[in-house]
Amino acid sequence: QVQLVESGGGSVQAGGSLRLSCAASEYSYNTYCMGWFRQAPEKEREGVANIDKNGSIRYADSVKGRFTISQDSAKNTLYLQMNSLKPGDTAMYYCAASSGTLCSNSGYWTLHWLYTYWGQGTQVTVSS
């Protein structure tokens, strides 16, 4: 079973940057996609970005041009570089892994139930 541990969250002012990391306990040959989701209080969990094993990347429209997802396979680590942060980016951020191929479909990648493994989350707070 893959364990995911996020880090790098914190409090920043609007316009600032943060880099989130997600360390996986092991490399899983069954993992097809890795992704970042976020959930603000009283809101639905939403997909932020994901990357599949072919290197294809998808972003939510709200973060395009500001966030960058990347991975270091040698370290089994996923990253999310977040620039030009806005108060609306405030949320708990989760790392997730999916073994199914639907996670690489542009119409389905944001469906949280496609992802089997989840981290505990890291809080990001952006003040105006």
Protein backbone atom coordinates (compact mmCIF):
# COMPACT_ATOMS: atom_id res chain seq x y z
CA GLN A 1 0.00 0.00 0.00
CA VAL A 2 1.38 3.39 -1.01
CA GLN A 3 1.59 6.04 1.69
CA LEU A 4 1.66 9.70 0.72
CA VAL A 5 2.95 12.48 2.95
CA GLU A 6 2.54 16.13 2.01
CA SER A 7 4.63 19.02 3.27
CA GLY A 8 5.38 22.63 2.42
CA GLY A 9 2.13 24.32 3.30
CA GLY A 10 2.01 27.54 5.27
CA SER A 11 0.74 31.10 5.42
CA VAL A 12 1.72 33.67 2.81
CA GLN A 13 0.50 37.00 1.57
CA ALA A 14 -1.23 37.37 -1.76
CA GLY A 15 1.28 37.32 -4.58
CA GLY A 16 3.61 35.02 -2.69
CA SER A 17 4.79 31.52 -3.50
CA LEU A 18 4.86 28.11 -1.88
CA ARG A 19 6.17 24.74 -2.98
CA LEU A 20 4.31 21.66 -1.84
CA SER A 21 5.94 18.25 -1.76
CA CYS A 22 4.40 14.79 -1.62
CA ALA A 23 6.65 11.92 -0.67
CA ALA A 24 5.48 8.43 -1.62
CA SER A 25 6.54 5.53 0.56
CA GLU A 26 7.40 3.46 -2.47
CA TYR A 27 7.24 3.43 -6.21
CA SER A 28 4.13 1.66 -7.38
CA TYR A 29 4.07 0.20 -10.87
CA ASN A 30 0.29 0.35 -10.60
CA THR A 31 0.21 4.13 -10.23
CA TYR A 32 -0.97 5.75 -13.43
CA CYS A 33 -1.50 9.31 -12.22
CA MET A 34 -0.43 11.49 -9.34
CA GLY A 35 -2.43 14.56 -8.55
CA TRP A 36 -3.04 17.51 -6.26
CA PHE A 37 -6.47 18.34 -4.92
CA ARG A 38 -7.63 21.03 -2.54
CA GLN A 39 -10.60 21.57 -0.31
CA ALA A 40 -11.67 24.80 1.32
CA PRO A 41 -14.10 24.85 4.26
CA GLU A 42 -17.65 24.01 3.17
CA LYS A 43 -16.57 23.48 -0.42
CA GLU A 44 -16.17 20.40 -2.57
CA ARG A 45 -12.77 18.84 -3.05
CA GLU A 46 -11.44 20.03 -6.40
CA GLY A 47 -8.66 18.88 -8.67
CA VAL A 48 -5.76 21.30 -9.00
CA ALA A 49 -3.32 19.44 -11.24
CA ASN A 50 -2.28 15.96 -12.19
CA ILE A 51 0.45 14.17 -14.10
CA ASP A 52 0.29 10.72 -15.63
CA LYS A 53 3.03 8.16 -16.15
CA ASN A 54 3.56 9.40 -19.70
CA GLY A 55 4.30 12.87 -18.39
CA SER A 56 1.08 14.48 -19.59
CA ILE A 57 -0.14 17.24 -17.31
CA ARG A 58 -3.53 18.75 -16.63
CA TYR A 59 -4.41 21.87 -14.62
CA ALA A 60 -7.59 23.40 -13.33
CA ASP A 61 -8.38 26.61 -15.19
CA SER A 62 -8.16 28.57 -11.94
CA VAL A 63 -4.46 27.76 -11.50
CA LYS A 64 -3.16 27.66 -15.07
CA GLY A 65 -0.15 29.88 -15.51
CA ARG A 66 0.40 30.12 -11.75
CA PHE A 67 0.91 26.54 -10.55
CA THR A 68 3.34 23.94 -11.86
CA ILE A 69 3.19 20.23 -11.10
CA SER A 70 6.32 18.12 -11.40
CA GLN A 71 7.78 14.89 -10.12
CA ASP A 72 11.13 13.42 -9.24
CA SER A 73 10.80 9.73 -9.93
CA ALA A 74 14.15 8.95 -8.37
CA LYS A 75 12.91 10.38 -5.08
CA ASN A 76 9.30 9.17 -5.45
CA THR A 77 8.26 12.77 -4.83
CA LEU A 78 5.57 14.93 -6.40
CA TYR A 79 5.73 18.72 -6.28
CA LEU A 80 3.38 21.65 -6.73
CA GLN A 81 5.01 25.02 -7.25
CA MET A 82 2.44 27.71 -6.51
CA ASN A 83 3.16 31.29 -7.60
CA SER A 84 1.08 34.46 -7.56
CA LEU A 85 -1.04 33.02 -4.80
CA LYS A 86 -4.49 34.49 -4.17
CA PRO A 87 -6.76 34.39 -1.12
CA GLY A 88 -9.02 32.09 -3.13
CA ASP A 89 -6.22 29.49 -3.14
CA THR A 90 -6.63 29.04 0.62
CA ALA A 91 -7.44 25.39 1.28
CA MET A 92 -6.16 22.08 2.53
CA TYR A 93 -4.07 20.58 -0.25
CA TYR A 94 -3.97 16.82 -0.78
CA CYS A 95 -1.74 14.58 -2.81
CA ALA A 96 -3.39 11.55 -4.44
CA ALA A 97 -2.51 8.55 -6.57
CA SER A 98 -4.64 6.68 -9.08
CA SER A 99 -4.05 3.31 -10.70
CA GLY A 100 -6.73 3.62 -13.35
CA THR A 101 -6.19 5.18 -16.76
CA LEU A 102 -9.28 7.42 -16.56
CA CYS A 103 -7.21 9.82 -14.46
CA SER A 104 -5.41 10.85 -17.66
CA ASN A 105 -8.65 11.80 -19.40
CA SER A 106 -9.27 15.54 -19.53
CA GLY A 107 -12.91 15.01 -18.70
CA TYR A 108 -12.38 12.79 -15.69
CA TRP A 109 -9.10 13.63 -13.99
CA THR A 110 -10.72 15.84 -11.36
CA LEU A 111 -12.98 13.07 -10.07
CA HIS A 112 -11.60 12.39 -6.61
CA TRP A 113 -13.05 8.89 -6.47
CA LEU A 114 -10.64 7.79 -9.22
CA TYR A 115 -7.79 8.16 -6.75
CA THR A 116 -7.10 5.29 -4.38
CA TYR A 117 -4.38 6.70 -2.15
CA TRP A 118 -4.44 10.04 -0.35
CA GLY A 119 -2.14 11.97 1.90
CA GLN A 120 -3.23 13.65 5.11
CA GLY A 121 -3.12 17.12 3.58
CA THR A 122 -1.15 20.32 4.12
CA GLN A 123 -2.79 23.67 4.83
CA VAL A 124 -2.21 26.67 2.58
CA THR A 125 -3.46 30.05 3.77
CA VAL A 126 -3.17 33.15 1.60
CA SER A 127 -3.94 36.52 3.17
CA SER A 128 -4.82 39.68 1.29
